[in-house]
PDB file of N, CA and C in Angstrom:
ATOM      1  N   UNK A   1      -4.973  -7.744 -24.231  1.00  0.00           N
ATOM      2  CA  UNK A   1      -4.860  -7.007 -22.993  1.00  0.00           C
ATOM      3  C   UNK A   1      -3.651  -7.474 -22.188  1.00  0.00           C
ATOM      4  N   UNK A   2      -3.411  -8.772 -22.154  1.00  0.00           N
ATOM      5  CA  UNK A   2      -2.223  -9.278 -21.453  1.00  0.00           C
ATOM      6  C   UNK A   2      -1.002  -9.012 -22.308  1.00  0.00           C
ATOM      7  N   UNK A   3       0.079  -8.744 -21.659  1.00  0.00           N
ATOM      8  CA  UNK A   3       1.299  -8.495 -22.419  1.00  0.00           C
ATOM      9  C   UNK A   3       2.423  -9.357 -21.881  1.00  0.00           C
ATOM     10  N   UNK A   4       3.284  -9.771 -22.777  1.00  0.00           N
ATOM     11  CA  UNK A   4       4.490 -10.484 -22.357  1.00  0.00           C
ATOM     12  C   UNK A   4       5.466  -9.445 -21.851  1.00  0.00           C
ATOM     13  N   UNK A   5       6.091  -9.705 -20.746  1.00  0.00           N
ATOM     14  CA  UNK A   5       6.925  -8.690 -20.129  1.00  0.00           C
ATOM     15  C   UNK A   5       8.401  -8.832 -20.476  1.00  0.00           C
ATOM     16  N   UNK A   6       8.809 -10.002 -20.912  1.00  0.00           N
ATOM     17  CA  UNK A   6      10.231 -10.204 -21.159  1.00  0.00           C
ATOM     18  C   UNK A   6      11.008 -10.349 -19.869  1.00  0.00           C
ATOM     19  N   UNK A   7      10.306 -10.292 -18.742  1.00  0.00           N
ATOM     20  CA  UNK A   7      10.927 -10.425 -17.431  1.00  0.00           C
ATOM     21  C   UNK A   7      10.534 -11.743 -16.806  1.00  0.00           C
ATOM     22  N   UNK A   8      10.270 -11.709 -15.526  1.00  0.00           N
ATOM     23  CA  UNK A   8       9.935 -12.915 -14.783  1.00  0.00           C
ATOM     24  C   UNK A   8       8.596 -13.511 -15.211  1.00  0.00           C
ATOM     25  N   UNK A   9       7.565 -12.672 -15.339  1.00  0.00           N
ATOM     26  CA  UNK A   9       6.217 -13.148 -15.631  1.00  0.00           C
ATOM     27  C   UNK A   9       6.060 -13.486 -17.109  1.00  0.00           C
ATOM     28  N   UNK A  10       5.251 -14.539 -17.376  1.00  0.00           N
ATOM     29  CA  UNK A  10       4.917 -14.879 -18.755  1.00  0.00           C
ATOM     30  C   UNK A  10       3.923 -13.867 -19.311  1.00  0.00           C
ATOM     31  N   UNK A  11       2.941 -13.476 -18.491  1.00  0.00           N
ATOM     32  CA  UNK A  11       1.944 -12.459 -18.849  1.00  0.00           C
ATOM     33  C   UNK A  11       1.740 -11.554 -17.649  1.00  0.00           C
ATOM     34  N   UNK A  12       1.414 -10.291 -17.934  1.00  0.00           N
ATOM     35  CA  UNK A  12       1.206  -9.331 -16.848  1.00  0.00           C
ATOM     36  C   UNK A  12       0.195  -8.294 -17.292  1.00  0.00           C
ATOM     37  N   UNK A  13      -0.847  -8.081 -16.482  1.00  0.00           N
ATOM     38  CA  UNK A  13      -1.866  -7.074 -16.768  1.00  0.00           C
ATOM     39  C   UNK A  13      -1.861  -6.062 -15.630  1.00  0.00           C
ATOM     40  N   UNK A  14      -1.628  -4.797 -15.955  1.00  0.00           N
ATOM     41  CA  UNK A  14      -1.620  -3.728 -14.967  1.00  0.00           C
ATOM     42  C   UNK A  14      -3.046  -3.494 -14.481  1.00  0.00           C
ATOM     43  N   UNK A  15      -3.218  -3.374 -13.142  1.00  0.00           N
ATOM     44  CA  UNK A  15      -4.532  -3.121 -12.565  1.00  0.00           C
ATOM     45  C   UNK A  15      -4.628  -1.707 -12.005  1.00  0.00           C
ATOM     46  N   UNK A  16      -3.725  -1.338 -11.105  1.00  0.00           N
ATOM     47  CA  UNK A  16      -3.824  -0.023 -10.471  1.00  0.00           C
ATOM     48  C   UNK A  16      -2.488   0.376  -9.865  1.00  0.00           C
ATOM     49  N   UNK A  17      -2.356   1.668  -9.573  1.00  0.00           N
ATOM     50  CA  UNK A  17      -1.144   2.211  -8.958  1.00  0.00           C
ATOM     51  C   UNK A  17      -1.547   3.224  -7.902  1.00  0.00           C
ATOM     52  N   UNK A  18      -0.886   3.153  -6.751  1.00  0.00           N
ATOM     53  CA  UNK A  18      -1.083   4.135  -5.681  1.00  0.00           C
ATOM     54  C   UNK A  18       0.263   4.805  -5.448  1.00  0.00           C
ATOM     55  N   UNK A  19       0.325   6.109  -5.683  1.00  0.00           N
ATOM     56  CA  UNK A  19       1.569   6.858  -5.483  1.00  0.00           C
ATOM     57  C   UNK A  19       1.645   7.281  -4.019  1.00  0.00           C
ATOM     58  N   UNK A  20       2.796   7.058  -3.397  1.00  0.00           N
ATOM     59  CA  UNK A  20       3.003   7.412  -1.994  1.00  0.00           C
ATOM     60  C   UNK A  20       2.883   8.926  -1.808  1.00  0.00           C
ATOM     61  N   UNK A  21       2.477   9.342  -0.624  1.00  0.00           N
ATOM     62  CA  UNK A  21       2.318  10.770  -0.347  1.00  0.00           C
ATOM     63  C   UNK A  21       3.645  11.526  -0.496  1.00  0.00           C
ATOM     64  N   UNK A  22       4.768  10.826  -0.306  1.00  0.00           N
ATOM     65  CA  UNK A  22       6.080  11.444  -0.465  1.00  0.00           C
ATOM     66  C   UNK A  22       6.469  11.579  -1.934  1.00  0.00           C
ATOM     67  N   UNK A  23       5.728  10.897  -2.798  1.00  0.00           N
ATOM     68  CA  UNK A  23       5.975  10.876  -4.244  1.00  0.00           C
ATOM     69  C   UNK A  23       7.336  10.277  -4.597  1.00  0.00           C
ATOM     70  N   UNK A  24       7.890   9.456  -3.684  1.00  0.00           N
ATOM     71  CA  UNK A  24       9.178   8.820  -3.925  1.00  0.00           C
ATOM     72  C   UNK A  24       9.046   7.402  -4.446  1.00  0.00           C
ATOM     73  N   UNK A  25       7.855   6.815  -4.305  1.00  0.00           N
ATOM     74  CA  UNK A  25       7.614   5.463  -4.811  1.00  0.00           C
ATOM     75  C   UNK A  25       6.120   5.264  -5.020  1.00  0.00           C
ATOM     76  N   UNK A  26       5.770   4.128  -5.627  1.00  0.00           N
ATOM     77  CA  UNK A  26       4.369   3.778  -5.783  1.00  0.00           C
ATOM     78  C   UNK A  26       4.194   2.290  -5.523  1.00  0.00           C
ATOM     79  N   UNK A  27       2.960   1.908  -5.309  1.00  0.00           N
ATOM     80  CA  UNK A  27       2.594   0.505  -5.163  1.00  0.00           C
ATOM     81  C   UNK A  27       1.749   0.169  -6.382  1.00  0.00           C
ATOM     82  N   UNK A  28       2.192  -0.818  -7.162  1.00  0.00           N
ATOM     83  CA  UNK A  28       1.453  -1.228  -8.356  1.00  0.00           C
ATOM     84  C   UNK A  28       0.891  -2.619  -8.150  1.00  0.00           C
ATOM     85  N   UNK A  29      -0.299  -2.819  -8.695  1.00  0.00           N
ATOM     86  CA  UNK A  29      -0.962  -4.112  -8.637  1.00  0.00           C
ATOM     87  C   UNK A  29      -1.116  -4.647 -10.052  1.00  0.00           C
ATOM     88  N   UNK A  30      -0.747  -5.912 -10.236  1.00  0.00           N
ATOM     89  CA  UNK A  30      -0.855  -6.581 -11.531  1.00  0.00           C
ATOM     90  C   UNK A  30      -1.515  -7.950 -11.365  1.00  0.00           C
ATOM     91  N   UNK A  31      -2.206  -8.395 -12.396  1.00  0.00           N
ATOM     92  CA  UNK A  31      -2.576  -9.794 -12.517  1.00  0.00           C
ATOM     93  C   UNK A  31      -1.499 -10.406 -13.401  1.00  0.00           C
ATOM     94  N   UNK A  32      -0.890 -11.484 -12.930  1.00  0.00           N
ATOM     95  CA  UNK A  32       0.255 -12.069 -13.635  1.00  0.00           C
ATOM     96  C   UNK A  32       0.049 -13.559 -13.839  1.00  0.00           C
ATOM     97  N   UNK A  33       0.836 -14.101 -14.786  1.00  0.00           N
ATOM     98  CA  UNK A  33       0.807 -15.533 -15.020  1.00  0.00           C
ATOM     99  C   UNK A  33       2.224 -16.045 -15.198  1.00  0.00           C
ATOM    100  N   UNK A  34       2.505 -17.185 -14.580  1.00  0.00           N
ATOM    101  CA  UNK A  34       3.816 -17.828 -14.682  1.00  0.00           C
ATOM    102  C   UNK A  34       3.579 -19.328 -14.739  1.00  0.00           C
ATOM    103  N   UNK A  35       4.044 -19.964 -15.795  1.00  0.00           N
ATOM    104  CA  UNK A  35       3.912 -21.407 -15.967  1.00  0.00           C
ATOM    105  C   UNK A  35       2.475 -21.888 -15.782  1.00  0.00           C
ATOM    106  N   UNK A  36       1.513 -21.111 -16.296  1.00  0.00           N
ATOM    107  CA  UNK A  36       0.106 -21.500 -16.234  1.00  0.00           C
ATOM    108  C   UNK A  36      -0.612 -21.145 -14.946  1.00  0.00           C
ATOM    109  N   UNK A  37       0.103 -20.685 -13.940  1.00  0.00           N
ATOM    110  CA  UNK A  37      -0.522 -20.278 -12.667  1.00  0.00           C
ATOM    111  C   UNK A  37      -0.711 -18.768 -12.653  1.00  0.00           C
ATOM    112  N   UNK A  38      -1.850 -18.334 -12.149  1.00  0.00           N
ATOM    113  CA  UNK A  38      -2.169 -16.904 -12.105  1.00  0.00           C
ATOM    114  C   UNK A  38      -1.964 -16.365 -10.696  1.00  0.00           C
ATOM    115  N   UNK A  39      -1.501 -15.110 -10.636  1.00  0.00           N
ATOM    116  CA  UNK A  39      -1.166 -14.468  -9.363  1.00  0.00           C
ATOM    117  C   UNK A  39      -1.671 -13.029  -9.339  1.00  0.00           C
ATOM    118  N   UNK A  40      -1.872 -12.516  -8.129  1.00  0.00           N
ATOM    119  CA  UNK A  40      -2.036 -11.082  -7.885  1.00  0.00           C
ATOM    120  C   UNK A  40      -0.688 -10.627  -7.358  1.00  0.00           C
ATOM    121  N   UNK A  41      -0.058  -9.687  -8.047  1.00  0.00           N
ATOM    122  CA  UNK A  41       1.259  -9.189  -7.632  1.00  0.00           C
ATOM    123  C   UNK A  41       1.105  -7.758  -7.146  1.00  0.00           C
ATOM    124  N   UNK A  42       1.493  -7.508  -5.903  1.00  0.00           N
ATOM    125  CA  UNK A  42       1.440  -6.170  -5.294  1.00  0.00           C
ATOM    126  C   UNK A  42       2.874  -5.826  -4.937  1.00  0.00           C
ATOM    127  N   UNK A  43       3.410  -4.771  -5.554  1.00  0.00           N
ATOM    128  CA  UNK A  43       4.842  -4.526  -5.437  1.00  0.00           C
ATOM    129  C   UNK A  43       5.157  -3.031  -5.399  1.00  0.00           C
ATOM    130  N   UNK A  44       6.229  -2.704  -4.695  1.00  0.00           N
ATOM    131  CA  UNK A  44       6.731  -1.329  -4.629  1.00  0.00           C
ATOM    132  C   UNK A  44       7.575  -1.045  -5.869  1.00  0.00           C
ATOM    133  N   UNK A  45       7.345   0.122  -6.477  1.00  0.00           N
ATOM    134  CA  UNK A  45       8.100   0.563  -7.649  1.00  0.00           C
ATOM    135  C   UNK A  45       8.759   1.906  -7.352  1.00  0.00           C
ATOM    136  N   UNK A  46       9.914   2.115  -7.930  1.00  0.00           N
ATOM    137  CA  UNK A  46      10.642   3.378  -7.787  1.00  0.00           C
ATOM    138  C   UNK A  46      11.027   3.875  -9.176  1.00  0.00           C
ATOM    139  N   UNK A  47      11.539   5.082  -9.215  1.00  0.00           N
ATOM    140  CA  UNK A  47      12.054   5.615 -10.481  1.00  0.00           C
ATOM    141  C   UNK A  47      13.447   5.032 -10.731  1.00  0.00           C
ATOM    142  N   UNK A  48      13.832   4.911 -11.993  1.00  0.00           N
ATOM    143  CA  UNK A  48      15.190   4.427 -12.280  1.00  0.00           C
ATOM    144  C   UNK A  48      16.230   5.360 -11.660  1.00  0.00           C
ATOM    145  N   UNK A  49      17.413   4.827 -11.341  1.00  0.00           N
ATOM    146  CA  UNK A  49      18.482   5.628 -10.741  1.00  0.00           C
ATOM    147  C   UNK A  49      18.777   6.848 -11.606  1.00  0.00           C
ATOM    148  N   UNK A  50      18.954   7.971 -10.936  1.00  0.00           N
ATOM    149  CA  UNK A  50      19.302   9.202 -11.627  1.00  0.00           C
ATOM    150  C   UNK A  50      18.103  10.021 -12.071  1.00  0.00           C
ATOM    151  N   UNK A  51      16.896   9.482 -12.015  1.00  0.00           N
ATOM    152  CA  UNK A  51      15.710  10.223 -12.432  1.00  0.00           C
ATOM    153  C   UNK A  51      14.953  10.690 -11.200  1.00  0.00           C
ATOM    154  N   UNK A  52      14.670  11.982 -11.135  1.00  0.00           N
ATOM    155  CA  UNK A  52      13.956  12.524  -9.992  1.00  0.00           C
ATOM    156  C   UNK A  52      12.484  12.764 -10.309  1.00  0.00           C
ATOM    157  N   UNK A  53      12.102  12.578 -11.562  1.00  0.00           N
ATOM    158  CA  UNK A  53      10.697  12.728 -11.937  1.00  0.00           C
ATOM    159  C   UNK A  53      10.368  11.696 -13.006  1.00  0.00           C
ATOM    160  N   UNK A  54       9.100  11.606 -13.314  1.00  0.00           N
ATOM    161  CA  UNK A  54       8.667  10.627 -14.305  1.00  0.00           C
ATOM    162  C   UNK A  54       7.993   9.434 -13.660  1.00  0.00           C
ATOM    163  N   UNK A  55       7.812   8.392 -14.463  1.00  0.00           N
ATOM    164  CA  UNK A  55       7.092   7.210 -14.008  1.00  0.00           C
ATOM    165  C   UNK A  55       7.939   6.315 -13.111  1.00  0.00           C
ATOM    166  N   UNK A  56       7.247   5.574 -12.276  1.00  0.00           N
ATOM    167  CA  UNK A  56       7.886   4.577 -11.412  1.00  0.00           C
ATOM    168  C   UNK A  56       7.936   3.274 -12.210  1.00  0.00           C
ATOM    169  N   UNK A  57       9.073   2.962 -12.778  1.00  0.00           N
ATOM    170  CA  UNK A  57       9.169   1.804 -13.670  1.00  0.00           C
ATOM    171  C   UNK A  57      10.035   0.679 -13.115  1.00  0.00           C
ATOM    172  N   UNK A  58      10.816   0.947 -12.091  1.00  0.00           N
ATOM    173  CA  UNK A  58      11.732  -0.053 -11.546  1.00  0.00           C
ATOM    174  C   UNK A  58      11.100  -0.741 -10.343  1.00  0.00           C
ATOM    175  N   UNK A  59      10.792  -2.035 -10.489  1.00  0.00           N
ATOM    176  CA  UNK A  59      10.202  -2.742  -9.345  1.00  0.00           C
ATOM    177  C   UNK A  59      11.286  -3.088  -8.336  1.00  0.00           C
ATOM    178  N   UNK A  60      10.859  -3.243  -7.101  1.00  0.00           N
ATOM    179  CA  UNK A  60      11.782  -3.609  -6.028  1.00  0.00           C
ATOM    180  C   UNK A  60      11.448  -5.027  -5.573  1.00  0.00           C
ATOM    181  N   UNK A  61      12.209  -5.541  -4.629  1.00  0.00           N
ATOM    182  CA  UNK A  61      11.910  -6.863  -4.083  1.00  0.00           C
ATOM    183  C   UNK A  61      10.844  -6.782  -2.998  1.00  0.00           C
ATOM    184  N   UNK A  62      10.431  -5.567  -2.660  1.00  0.00           N
ATOM    185  CA  UNK A  62       9.409  -5.388  -1.636  1.00  0.00           C
ATOM    186  C   UNK A  62       8.033  -5.566  -2.267  1.00  0.00           C
ATOM    187  N   UNK A  63       7.431  -6.702  -2.003  1.00  0.00           N
ATOM    188  CA  UNK A  63       6.113  -6.979  -2.550  1.00  0.00           C
ATOM    189  C   UNK A  63       5.728  -8.410  -2.295  1.00  0.00           C
ATOM    190  N   UNK A  64       4.576  -8.781  -2.836  1.00  0.00           N
ATOM    191  CA  UNK A  64       4.063 -10.127  -2.636  1.00  0.00           C
ATOM    192  C   UNK A  64       3.287 -10.560  -3.870  1.00  0.00           C
ATOM    193  N   UNK A  65       3.413 -11.818  -4.213  1.00  0.00           N
ATOM    194  CA  UNK A  65       2.630 -12.421  -5.293  1.00  0.00           C
ATOM    195  C   UNK A  65       1.779 -13.521  -4.660  1.00  0.00           C
ATOM    196  N   UNK A  66       0.472 -13.357  -4.748  1.00  0.00           N
ATOM    197  CA  UNK A  66      -0.450 -14.302  -4.127  1.00  0.00           C
ATOM    198  C   UNK A  66      -1.138 -15.104  -5.226  1.00  0.00           C
ATOM    199  N   UNK A  67      -1.117 -16.432  -5.132  1.00  0.00           N
ATOM    200  CA  UNK A  67      -1.793 -17.243  -6.152  1.00  0.00           C
ATOM    201  C   UNK A  67      -3.276 -16.877  -6.227  1.00  0.00           C
ATOM    202  N   UNK A  68      -3.779 -16.687  -7.442  1.00  0.00           N
ATOM    203  CA  UNK A  68      -5.165 -16.278  -7.631  1.00  0.00           C
ATOM    204  C   UNK A  68      -6.135 -17.347  -7.125  1.00  0.00           C
ATOM    205  N   UNK A  69      -5.686 -18.582  -7.070  1.00  0.00           N
ATOM    206  CA  UNK A  69      -6.554 -19.650  -6.539  1.00  0.00           C
ATOM    207  C   UNK A  69      -6.868 -19.422  -5.061  1.00  0.00           C
ATOM    208  N   UNK A  70      -6.131 -18.544  -4.413  1.00  0.00           N
ATOM    209  CA  UNK A  70      -6.360 -18.211  -3.000  1.00  0.00           C
ATOM    210  C   UNK A  70      -7.180 -16.933  -2.855  1.00  0.00           C
ATOM    211  N   UNK A  71      -7.905 -16.535  -3.919  1.00  0.00           N
ATOM    212  CA  UNK A  71      -8.587 -15.237  -3.899  1.00  0.00           C
ATOM    213  C   UNK A  71      -9.631 -15.120  -2.794  1.00  0.00           C
ATOM    214  N   UNK A  72     -10.316 -16.228  -2.457  1.00  0.00           N
ATOM    215  CA  UNK A  72     -11.294 -16.161  -1.366  1.00  0.00           C
ATOM    216  C   UNK A  72     -10.591 -15.861  -0.042  1.00  0.00           C
ATOM    217  N   UNK A  73      -9.458 -16.520   0.179  1.00  0.00           N
ATOM    218  CA  UNK A  73      -8.690 -16.268   1.402  1.00  0.00           C
ATOM    219  C   UNK A  73      -8.188 -14.827   1.425  1.00  0.00           C
ATOM    220  N   UNK A  74      -7.728 -14.342   0.281  1.00  0.00           N
ATOM    221  CA  UNK A  74      -7.222 -12.975   0.187  1.00  0.00           C
ATOM    222  C   UNK A  74      -8.338 -11.964   0.451  1.00  0.00           C
ATOM    223  N   UNK A  75      -9.500 -12.194  -0.135  1.00  0.00           N
ATOM    224  CA  UNK A  75     -10.641 -11.297   0.068  1.00  0.00           C
ATOM    225  C   UNK A  75     -11.037 -11.244   1.544  1.00  0.00           C
ATOM    226  N   UNK A  76     -11.082 -12.405   2.195  1.00  0.00           N
ATOM    227  CA  UNK A  76     -11.416 -12.455   3.625  1.00  0.00           C
ATOM    228  C   UNK A  76     -10.351 -11.732   4.451  1.00  0.00           C
ATOM    229  N   UNK A  77      -9.077 -11.958   4.118  1.00  0.00           N
ATOM    230  CA  UNK A  77      -7.984 -11.317   4.840  1.00  0.00           C
ATOM    231  C   UNK A  77      -8.072  -9.800   4.746  1.00  0.00           C
ATOM    232  N   UNK A  78      -8.312  -9.281   3.550  1.00  0.00           N
ATOM    233  CA  UNK A  78      -8.400  -7.825   3.368  1.00  0.00           C
ATOM    234  C   UNK A  78      -9.596  -7.276   4.143  1.00  0.00           C
ATOM    235  N   UNK A  79     -10.729  -7.968   4.087  1.00  0.00           N
ATOM    236  CA  UNK A  79     -11.907  -7.538   4.858  1.00  0.00           C
ATOM    237  C   UNK A  79     -11.623  -7.517   6.344  1.00  0.00           C
ATOM    238  N   UNK A  80     -10.979  -8.574   6.843  1.00  0.00           N
ATOM    239  CA  UNK A  80     -10.631  -8.631   8.267  1.00  0.00           C
ATOM    240  C   UNK A  80      -9.677  -7.506   8.652  1.00  0.00           C
ATOM    241  N   UNK A  81      -8.705  -7.240   7.795  1.00  0.00           N
ATOM    242  CA  UNK A  81      -7.753  -6.151   8.066  1.00  0.00           C
ATOM    243  C   UNK A  81      -8.464  -4.805   8.154  1.00  0.00           C
ATOM    244  N   UNK A  82      -9.423  -4.575   7.278  1.00  0.00           N
ATOM    245  CA  UNK A  82     -10.152  -3.313   7.286  1.00  0.00           C
ATOM    246  C   UNK A  82     -10.972  -3.160   8.570  1.00  0.00           C
ATOM    247  N   UNK A  83     -11.610  -4.240   9.005  1.00  0.00           N
ATOM    248  CA  UNK A  83     -12.417  -4.185  10.229  1.00  0.00           C
ATOM    249  C   UNK A  83     -11.525  -3.930  11.438  1.00  0.00           C
ATOM    250  N   UNK A  84     -10.467  -4.720  11.568  1.00  0.00           N
ATOM    251  CA  UNK A  84      -9.568  -4.575  12.722  1.00  0.00           C
ATOM    252  C   UNK A  84      -8.890  -3.205  12.693  1.00  0.00           C
ATOM    253  N   UNK A  85      -8.458  -2.776  11.515  1.00  0.00           N
ATOM    254  CA  UNK A  85      -7.821  -1.460  11.399  1.00  0.00           C
ATOM    255  C   UNK A  85      -8.740  -0.343  11.861  1.00  0.00           C
ATOM    256  N   UNK A  86     -10.007  -0.430  11.473  1.00  0.00           N
ATOM    257  CA  UNK A  86     -10.973   0.583  11.900  1.00  0.00           C
ATOM    258  C   UNK A  86     -11.156   0.569  13.410  1.00  0.00           C
ATOM    259  N   UNK A  87     -11.183  -0.630  13.984  1.00  0.00           N
ATOM    260  CA  UNK A  87     -11.371  -0.734  15.432  1.00  0.00           C
ATOM    261  C   UNK A  87     -10.147  -0.234  16.190  1.00  0.00           C
ATOM    262  N   UNK A  88      -8.976  -0.602  15.723  1.00  0.00           N
ATOM    263  CA  UNK A  88      -7.746  -0.262  16.436  1.00  0.00           C
ATOM    264  C   UNK A  88      -7.370   1.206  16.248  1.00  0.00           C
ATOM    265  N   UNK A  89      -7.528   1.717  15.030  1.00  0.00           N
ATOM    266  CA  UNK A  89      -7.044   3.062  14.748  1.00  0.00           C
ATOM    267  C   UNK A  89      -8.114   4.131  14.821  1.00  0.00           C
ATOM    268  N   UNK A  90      -9.286   3.777  15.341  1.00  0.00           N
ATOM    269  CA  UNK A  90     -10.205   4.805  15.759  1.00  0.00           C
ATOM    270  C   UNK A  90     -11.374   5.167  14.893  1.00  0.00           C
ATOM    271  N   UNK A  91     -11.565   4.613  13.712  1.00  0.00           N
ATOM    272  CA  UNK A  91     -12.734   5.003  12.943  1.00  0.00           C
ATOM    273  C   UNK A  91     -14.008   4.585  13.654  1.00  0.00           C
ATOM    274  N   UNK A  92     -13.956   3.449  14.351  1.00  0.00           N
ATOM    275  CA  UNK A  92     -15.132   2.970  15.067  1.00  0.00           C
ATOM    276  C   UNK A  92     -15.112   3.362  16.535  1.00  0.00           C
ATOM    277  N   UNK A  93     -14.009   3.917  16.982  1.00  0.00           N
ATOM    278  CA  UNK A  93     -13.912   4.330  18.384  1.00  0.00           C
ATOM    279  C   UNK A  93     -14.286   5.793  18.505  1.00  0.00           C
ATOM    280  N   UNK A  94     -14.832   6.129  19.660  1.00  0.00           N
ATOM    281  CA  UNK A  94     -15.074   7.543  19.911  1.00  0.00           C
ATOM    282  C   UNK A  94     -13.741   8.180  20.260  1.00  0.00           C
ATOM    283  N   UNK A  95     -13.533   9.356  19.711  1.00  0.00           N
ATOM    284  CA  UNK A  95     -12.281  10.042  20.015  1.00  0.00           C
ATOM    285  C   UNK A  95     -12.295  10.512  21.460  1.00  0.00           C
ATOM    286  N   UNK A  96     -11.214  10.217  22.137  1.00  0.00           N
ATOM    287  CA  UNK A  96     -11.107  10.626  23.533  1.00  0.00           C
ATOM    288  C   UNK A  96     -10.810  12.118  23.590  1.00  0.00           C
ATOM    289  N   UNK A  97     -11.516  12.757  24.485  1.00  0.00           N
ATOM    290  CA  UNK A  97     -11.273  14.187  24.659  1.00  0.00           C
ATOM    291  C   UNK A  97     -10.027  14.376  25.497  1.00  0.00           C
ATOM    292  N   UNK A  98      -9.177  15.244  25.029  1.00  0.00           N
ATOM    293  CA  UNK A  98      -7.961  15.538  25.778  1.00  0.00           C
ATOM    294  C   UNK A  98      -8.288  16.561  26.853  1.00  0.00           C
ATOM    295  N   UNK A  99      -7.759  16.305  28.020  1.00  0.00           N
ATOM    296  CA  UNK A  99      -7.946  17.246  29.115  1.00  0.00           C
ATOM    297  C   UNK A  99      -7.020  18.425  28.905  1.00  0.00           C
ATOM    298  N   UNK A 100      -7.602  19.600  29.036  1.00  0.00           N
ATOM    299  CA  UNK A 100      -6.789  20.802  28.894  1.00  0.00           C
ATOM    300  C   UNK A 100      -6.138  21.111  30.228  1.00  0.00           C
ATOM    301  N   UNK A 101      -4.846  21.378  30.153  1.00  0.00           N
ATOM    302  CA  UNK A 101      -4.130  21.744  31.376  1.00  0.00           C
ATOM    303  C   UNK A 101      -4.361  23.220  31.656  1.00  0.00           C
ATOM    304  N   UNK A 102      -4.587  23.490  32.929  1.00  0.00           N
ATOM    305  CA  UNK A 102      -4.773  24.884  33.315  1.00  0.00           C
ATOM    306  C   UNK A 102      -3.411  25.541  33.410  1.00  0.00           C
ATOM    307  N   UNK A 103      -3.341  26.718  32.837  1.00  0.00           N
ATOM    308  CA  UNK A 103      -2.088  27.471  32.909  1.00  0.00           C
ATOM    309  C   UNK A 103      -1.985  28.147  34.266  1.00  0.00           C
ATOM    310  N   UNK A 104      -0.805  28.055  34.827  1.00  0.00           N
ATOM    311  CA  UNK A 104      -0.569  28.707  36.113  1.00  0.00           C
ATOM    312  C   UNK A 104      -0.382  30.199  35.880  1.00  0.00           C
ATOM    313  N   UNK A 105      -1.008  30.958  36.734  1.00  0.00           N
ATOM    314  CA  UNK A 105      -0.891  32.411  36.609  1.00  0.00           C
ATOM    315  C   UNK A 105       0.411  32.826  37.250  1.00  0.00           C
ATOM    316  N   UNK A 106       1.113  33.689  36.553  1.00  0.00           N
ATOM    317  CA  UNK A 106       2.359  34.219  37.105  1.00  0.00           C
ATOM    318  C   UNK A 106       2.036  35.340  38.092  1.00  0.00           C
ATOM    319  N   UNK A 107       2.766  35.304  39.195  1.00  0.00           N
ATOM    320  CA  UNK A 107       2.580  36.350  40.195  1.00  0.00           C
ATOM    321  C   UNK A 107       3.302  37.590  39.739  1.00  0.00           C
ATOM    322  N   UNK A 108       2.623  38.692  39.894  1.00  0.00           N
ATOM    323  CA  UNK A 108       3.228  39.963  39.507  1.00  0.00           C
ATOM    324  C   UNK A 108       4.110  40.444  40.619  1.00  0.00           C
ATOM    325  N   UNK A 109       5.276  40.897  40.244  1.00  0.00           N
ATOM    326  CA  UNK A 109       6.211  41.470  41.244  1.00  0.00           C
ATOM    327  C   UNK A 109       5.941  42.941  41.420  1.00  0.00           C
ATOM    328  N   UNK A 110       5.955  43.373  42.631  1.00  0.00           N
ATOM    329  CA  UNK A 110       5.662  44.776  42.913  1.00  0.00           C
ATOM    330  C   UNK A 110       6.915  45.586  43.047  1.00  0.00           C
TER     331      UNK A 110
END
C-alpha cells in the first residue's frame, strides 16, 4: 500500500483529496514517512504548467506536515477549530433578522 515516491518522502500513502470550488487546485492528504518518522501531510496541488484539465499532480509549498506522534494534539486542534468556527460563523448562532427599509413614496406631480 505504501509507495516510494522518488521525491522527498521515503514512503507516501494517499488518503483523500478535496477539489476547490474553482477547480483550479486541490488539497491532498497523505500519510508519509521520512527517516523513520511518520507524518500527516496536507498540501495544495495544482495542474502542471500548460494543462488546463486533468489531475492535480504538482504539489506546491503551501501545506503542512505534522508529525504523527502529535496526532492527539492534532485531533484536539481540529475539534476546537470546528467548535469555534461554528460559534463564530453562525451555525450555532441564531441568524439575525435584517430590518427592511421602507421605500419612500414618490410624490406625483400634477
